[in-house]
Protein backbone atom coordinates (compact mmCIF):
# COMPACT_ATOMS: atom_id res chain seq x y z
CA MET A 1 -4.69 137.47 257.39
CA ARG A 2 -2.69 140.11 259.27
CA ILE A 3 -0.95 142.94 257.40
CA CYS A 4 1.89 145.13 258.66
CA CYS A 5 3.45 148.05 256.78
CA CYS A 6 7.19 147.65 256.54
CA CYS A 7 9.74 150.49 256.22
CA ASP A 8 9.22 153.76 254.35
CA THR A 9 8.88 151.97 251.03
CA CYS A 10 6.01 150.06 249.55
CA SER A 11 6.88 146.84 251.33
CA LEU A 12 4.28 144.85 253.20
CA LEU A 13 4.35 141.91 255.56
CA PHE A 14 1.59 139.36 255.53
CA ALA A 15 0.88 136.71 258.15
CA ILE A 16 -1.06 134.02 256.32
CA PHE A 17 -1.74 130.51 257.61
CA ARG A 18 1.79 129.10 258.23
CA ASN A 19 3.57 131.77 256.22
CA VAL A 20 5.07 135.15 256.88
CA ALA A 21 5.62 136.82 253.53
CA LEU A 22 7.51 140.00 252.63
CA TYR A 23 6.40 141.78 249.45
CA ASP A 24 7.81 144.80 247.60
CA PHE A 25 5.19 146.59 245.50
CA LEU A 26 7.69 148.85 243.71
CA VAL A 27 8.73 145.99 241.43
CA PRO A 28 6.69 144.10 238.81
CA PRO A 29 4.08 141.74 240.33
CA HIS A 30 5.91 138.57 239.30
CA LYS A 31 8.95 139.75 241.31
CA ALA A 32 7.04 141.26 244.27
CA LEU A 33 7.51 138.35 246.69
CA ILE A 34 10.87 138.99 248.36
CA LYS A 35 10.80 136.13 250.86
CA ASP A 36 8.33 133.87 252.59
CA PHE A 37 8.93 131.94 255.78
CA LEU A 38 7.24 128.75 256.94
CA CYS A 39 7.31 129.06 260.70
CA HIS A 40 4.07 128.37 262.58
CA ASP A 41 2.38 124.95 262.50
CA GLY A 42 -0.98 126.26 263.65
CA GLY A 43 -0.74 129.46 261.59
CA ALA A 44 0.43 133.00 262.25
CA SER A 45 -1.87 135.13 264.39
CA SER A 46 0.00 138.45 264.60
CA ILE A 47 3.01 140.20 263.09
CA ALA A 48 5.17 143.23 263.91
CA TYR A 49 8.18 144.99 262.40
CA ALA A 50 11.10 146.71 264.16
CA PRO A 51 12.58 148.99 261.45
CA SER A 52 15.79 150.12 263.18
CA HIS A 53 16.72 146.50 263.95
CA GLN A 54 15.33 145.24 260.61
CA LEU A 55 13.50 142.46 262.45
CA ILE A 56 10.15 140.82 261.80
CA ILE A 57 8.42 139.23 264.78
CA SER A 58 5.56 136.83 264.11
CA ALA A 59 3.27 135.15 266.60
CA GLY A 60 1.79 131.68 266.30
CA LYS A 61 -1.49 130.08 267.20
CA LYS A 62 0.35 127.46 269.29
CA GLY A 63 2.11 129.93 271.60
CA ASP A 64 5.35 130.37 269.66
CA MET A 65 7.01 133.48 268.23
CA CYS A 66 9.58 133.70 265.43
CA VAL A 67 12.14 136.46 264.94
CA PHE A 68 13.45 137.07 261.41
CA ASP A 69 16.28 139.25 260.14
CA VAL A 70 15.09 141.15 257.06
CA ARG A 71 18.63 141.89 255.81
CA GLN A 72 19.72 138.26 255.98
CA ARG A 73 16.24 136.97 255.08
CA ALA A 74 16.68 134.32 257.75
CA LEU A 75 14.98 132.99 260.85
CA LEU A 76 17.05 134.08 263.87
CA GLN A 77 15.16 132.51 266.73
CA THR A 78 12.00 130.67 267.70
CA LEU A 79 10.63 131.43 271.17
CA THR A 80 8.12 129.53 273.28
CA ALA A 81 6.09 132.51 274.42
CA HIS A 82 2.70 131.50 275.82
CA ALA A 83 0.87 128.34 276.88
CA ASP A 84 -1.77 129.00 274.20
CA ALA A 85 -2.04 131.16 271.07
CA VAL A 86 -0.21 134.49 270.93
CA LYS A 87 -3.03 136.91 270.07
CA CYS A 88 -1.18 140.23 269.64
CA LEU A 89 2.19 141.98 269.48
CA ALA A 90 3.31 145.57 270.03
CA ILE A 91 6.81 147.05 269.68
CA ALA A 92 7.96 149.92 271.90
CA GLN A 93 8.69 153.24 270.17
CA ASN A 94 12.37 153.01 271.12
CA GLU A 95 12.43 149.39 269.87
CA GLU A 96 14.22 148.15 272.99
CA PHE A 97 11.43 145.69 273.80
CA PHE A 98 8.09 144.37 272.63
CA ALA A 99 4.96 143.00 274.26
CA SER A 100 2.99 139.87 273.49
CA GLY A 101 -0.50 139.01 274.65
CA GLY A 102 -1.73 135.44 274.82
CA ALA A 103 -4.97 133.52 274.84
CA ASP A 104 -3.74 132.20 278.21
CA GLY A 105 -4.44 135.68 279.64
CA SER A 106 -0.82 136.70 280.16
CA VAL A 107 1.09 139.72 278.86
CA LYS A 108 4.85 139.34 278.43
CA LEU A 109 7.64 141.80 277.66
CA TRP A 110 10.61 140.74 275.52
CA ASP A 111 13.96 142.32 274.62
CA VAL A 112 14.28 143.03 270.89
CA SER A 113 18.04 142.97 270.26
CA VAL A 114 18.55 139.58 271.95
CA PRO A 115 15.04 138.11 272.05
CA ARG A 116 14.46 136.92 275.60
CA GLN A 117 11.71 137.43 278.14
CA ARG A 118 12.08 140.59 280.20
CA SER A 119 8.98 140.25 282.42
CA ALA A 120 5.59 138.60 282.59
CA PHE A 121 2.17 139.57 283.89
CA ASN A 122 0.41 136.21 284.26
CA ASP A 123 -3.38 135.96 284.42
CA GLU A 124 -3.69 139.62 283.40
CA HIS A 125 -6.91 138.99 281.43
CA VAL A 126 -8.57 135.74 282.41
CA LYS A 127 -12.31 135.52 282.05
CA THR A 128 -13.81 132.94 284.38
CA SER A 129 -17.25 131.47 284.58
CA PHE A 130 -18.72 129.60 287.54
CA PHE A 131 -17.18 126.25 286.56
CA ARG A 132 -14.18 127.00 284.36
CA THR A 133 -11.97 129.59 282.73
CA ALA A 134 -13.66 130.99 279.61
CA GLY A 135 -12.83 133.52 276.93
CA SER A 136 -9.66 133.96 274.97
CA GLY A 137 -7.32 136.05 277.10
CA VAL A 138 -5.55 139.18 275.88
CA GLN A 139 -7.05 140.80 272.78
CA GLN A 140 -4.70 143.77 272.26
CA VAL A 141 -1.54 145.32 273.72
CA LEU A 142 -0.17 148.83 273.23
CA LEU A 143 3.10 150.38 274.38
CA ALA A 144 2.69 154.16 274.67
CA ALA A 145 4.26 157.38 275.98
CA HIS A 146 7.86 156.72 275.07
CA SER A 147 7.49 153.02 275.93
CA SER A 148 6.88 153.61 279.64
CA GLN A 149 3.21 152.62 279.66
CA LEU A 150 1.59 149.31 278.78
CA PHE A 151 -2.10 149.08 277.95
CA SER A 152 -3.90 145.78 277.45
CA CYS A 153 -7.47 144.68 276.94
CA GLY A 154 -8.96 141.25 277.09
CA ALA A 155 -11.87 138.86 277.02
CA ASP A 156 -12.57 139.74 280.66
CA GLY A 157 -13.92 143.10 279.41
CA LEU A 158 -11.21 145.16 281.12
CA VAL A 159 -8.60 147.62 279.88
CA LYS A 160 -5.53 147.57 282.10
CA TRP A 161 -2.78 150.16 282.34
CA ARG A 162 0.70 149.65 283.78
CA VAL A 163 3.55 152.08 284.20
CA LEU A 164 6.71 150.19 283.31
CA SER A 165 9.93 150.68 285.26
CA SER A 166 13.06 151.40 283.26
């Protein structure tokens, strides 16, 4: 289960199995579930929240990502993101874009306002053995320093740093 704090209130997002659930803990427990979304066949692997856009982004174990509008409580878009599971998400501080890291070893950047791929760094973290590709790709991504730097680490045992162009 992945948990993400949402807003300034006592709201939480949970990524559980196939569900993304939004809870409000300022109301009685029987009314706490605000909305749940069934979106990922293989289960949700990561979740992120963009507060100024009021968007929830969830990542699936089959390479898909879903973008939800919190205000409308609706699924806006489903994206085919990676060839394998999406392992992690990170939203830039300015919320103009977000990064996804996949088990396929690639790191991709996406626009937030109109979710579409901005750029891709394929085979960024691919662990290979003598006979075949091994490991599980990107483990974590981080967008830092006013969203101009991208850090990633992976199953290859490396931490990589990129300065992003504007």
